[in-house]
Protein backbone atom coordinates (compact mmCIF):
# COMPACT_ATOMS: atom_id res chain seq x y z
CA MET A 1 -0.70 -3.53 -12.55
CA THR A 2 0.76 -4.58 -8.96
CA VAL A 3 4.28 -4.18 -8.21
CA ARG A 4 5.55 -7.16 -6.20
CA ILE A 5 9.09 -7.31 -4.70
CA GLU A 6 10.79 -10.03 -2.77
CA TYR A 7 11.39 -9.19 0.92
CA GLU A 8 15.58 -9.34 0.69
CA ASP A 9 15.54 -6.66 -1.69
CA THR A 10 13.85 -4.06 0.41
CA TYR A 11 15.32 -2.17 3.82
CA ARG A 12 14.11 0.20 6.34
CA ASP A 13 14.49 3.90 6.63
CA ASP A 14 14.95 5.74 9.92
CA ALA A 15 10.89 6.03 10.18
CA ALA A 16 10.36 2.41 9.55
CA ARG A 17 9.39 3.28 6.07
CA VAL A 18 10.09 0.35 3.63
CA LEU A 19 11.77 0.90 0.65
CA CYS A 20 13.61 -0.53 -2.31
CA GLU A 21 16.42 0.55 -4.96
CA ASP A 22 13.63 2.45 -6.34
CA GLY A 23 12.15 4.29 -3.31
CA LEU A 24 9.33 4.15 -1.06
CA VAL A 25 7.48 0.96 -1.98
CA THR A 26 4.28 1.22 -3.53
CA GLY A 27 3.03 -2.45 -3.97
CA GLU A 28 3.56 -6.11 -2.47
CA VAL A 29 6.16 -7.63 -0.72
CA VAL A 30 6.56 -11.02 -0.38
CA SER A 31 8.59 -13.11 1.96
CA ARG A 32 9.27 -16.81 1.21
CA ASP A 33 10.53 -19.76 2.93
CA GLN A 34 13.85 -21.94 2.12
CA GLU A 35 11.94 -23.96 -0.49
CA GLY A 36 10.76 -20.63 -2.24
CA ARG A 37 6.97 -20.65 -1.24
CA ILE A 38 5.63 -17.84 -0.53
CA THR A 39 5.24 -17.50 3.56
CA SER A 40 3.87 -13.38 3.63
CA LEU A 41 2.52 -11.04 1.38
CA VAL A 42 2.14 -7.90 2.76
CA SER A 43 0.66 -4.84 0.88
CA TYR A 44 2.44 -1.16 1.11
CA HIS A 45 1.80 2.57 -0.27
CA GLU A 46 4.82 4.88 -0.07
CA GLY A 47 6.36 2.65 2.51
CA VAL A 48 3.85 2.17 4.46
CA PRO A 49 1.60 -0.86 5.22
CA SER A 50 -1.65 -0.16 3.21
CA GLY A 51 -4.00 -3.28 1.97
CA PRO A 52 -4.34 -6.62 2.28
CA GLN A 53 -2.02 -8.14 4.35
CA PHE A 54 -1.53 -12.60 4.22
CA ALA A 55 0.34 -15.09 5.78
CA TRP A 56 0.49 -19.12 5.13
CA TYR A 57 1.97 -21.60 7.09
CA PRO A 58 4.64 -24.01 5.33
CA ASP A 59 2.40 -26.04 3.88
CA GLY A 60 0.34 -23.39 2.28
CA THR A 61 -2.57 -23.05 5.22
CA MET A 62 -3.66 -19.67 6.03
CA LYS A 63 -1.86 -18.45 8.97
CA LEU A 64 -3.03 -14.75 9.06
CA GLU A 65 -5.34 -12.07 6.94
CA GLY A 66 -5.83 -8.67 7.54
CA LEU A 67 -6.02 -5.12 6.12
CA THR A 68 -3.89 -1.97 7.15
CA ARG A 69 -4.70 1.49 5.91
CA TYR A 70 -1.83 3.90 6.64
CA GLY A 71 -0.16 1.50 8.90
CA LEU A 72 -3.27 1.16 10.87
CA ALA A 73 -4.93 -2.78 11.31
CA VAL A 74 -8.66 -1.97 9.99
CA GLY A 75 -11.32 -4.09 9.59
CA ASP A 76 -11.68 -7.67 9.55
CA TRP A 77 -8.68 -9.74 11.06
CA ARG A 78 -8.30 -13.70 11.09
CA LYS A 79 -5.48 -15.96 12.42
CA TRP A 80 -5.94 -19.77 12.24
CA TYR A 81 -4.08 -22.61 14.23
CA PRO A 82 -1.83 -25.29 11.78
CA ASN A 83 -4.85 -27.62 11.28
CA GLY A 84 -6.84 -24.92 9.84
CA GLN A 85 -9.05 -24.18 12.75
CA LEU A 86 -9.86 -20.36 12.97
CA ALA A 87 -7.70 -19.00 16.37
CA GLU A 88 -8.61 -15.52 16.39
CA HIS A 89 -11.18 -12.97 15.07
CA THR A 90 -10.59 -9.31 15.77
CA VAL A 91 -12.51 -6.41 14.20
CA PHE A 92 -10.75 -3.09 14.25
CA ASN A 93 -12.57 0.08 13.96
CA GLU A 94 -11.02 2.87 11.24
CA ARG A 95 -8.83 4.17 13.96
CA GLY A 96 -7.01 1.06 14.39
CA ARG A 97 -8.57 0.39 17.79
CA ARG A 98 -9.81 -3.25 18.44
CA ALA A 99 -13.62 -3.27 18.58
CA SER A 100 -14.36 -6.58 18.97
CA ARG A 101 -12.20 -10.32 19.70
CA GLN A 102 -12.98 -13.80 19.39
CA LYS A 103 -10.63 -17.02 20.24
CA TRP A 104 -10.71 -20.55 19.71
CA ASP A 105 -8.64 -23.40 20.74
CA LYS A 106 -7.17 -25.56 18.48
CA GLU A 107 -10.56 -27.96 18.87
CA GLY A 108 -12.68 -24.94 17.82
CA ASN A 109 -14.04 -23.84 21.76
CA LEU A 110 -14.79 -20.50 21.93
CA THR A 111 -12.63 -19.04 24.63
CA GLU A 112 -12.72 -15.83 24.76
CA ASP A 113 -15.60 -13.32 23.30
CA ARG A 114 -15.01 -9.58 24.20
CA THR A 115 -16.25 -5.98 22.96
CA PHE A 116 -13.96 -3.43 23.35
CA SER A 117 -15.08 0.68 24.01
CA GLY A 118 -13.52 3.49 22.47
């Protein structure tokens, strides 16, 4: 069973780890807008971002999606414009370094296509 905690019930320690009253957070932390809609969901393991990460625009359109492992972005990360058009696709290696990135404008035209070394 996954524990889900509201962002308002969390705080950070001196090492920037996320805690709630029960200690280091292992589970999902959700943020909500004024109407109570979930605007982000961040997965944690022992207070460190680890697992799926999501963010939505107020209308429910996907804004961001990615995966972290022990605080590092890994694998595919995607960002969208409010109109639903893909804005960016970045691939991170297992060490959290960018391997590639593609960007599009709001009309869907490719504006950047890069591969990174290292």
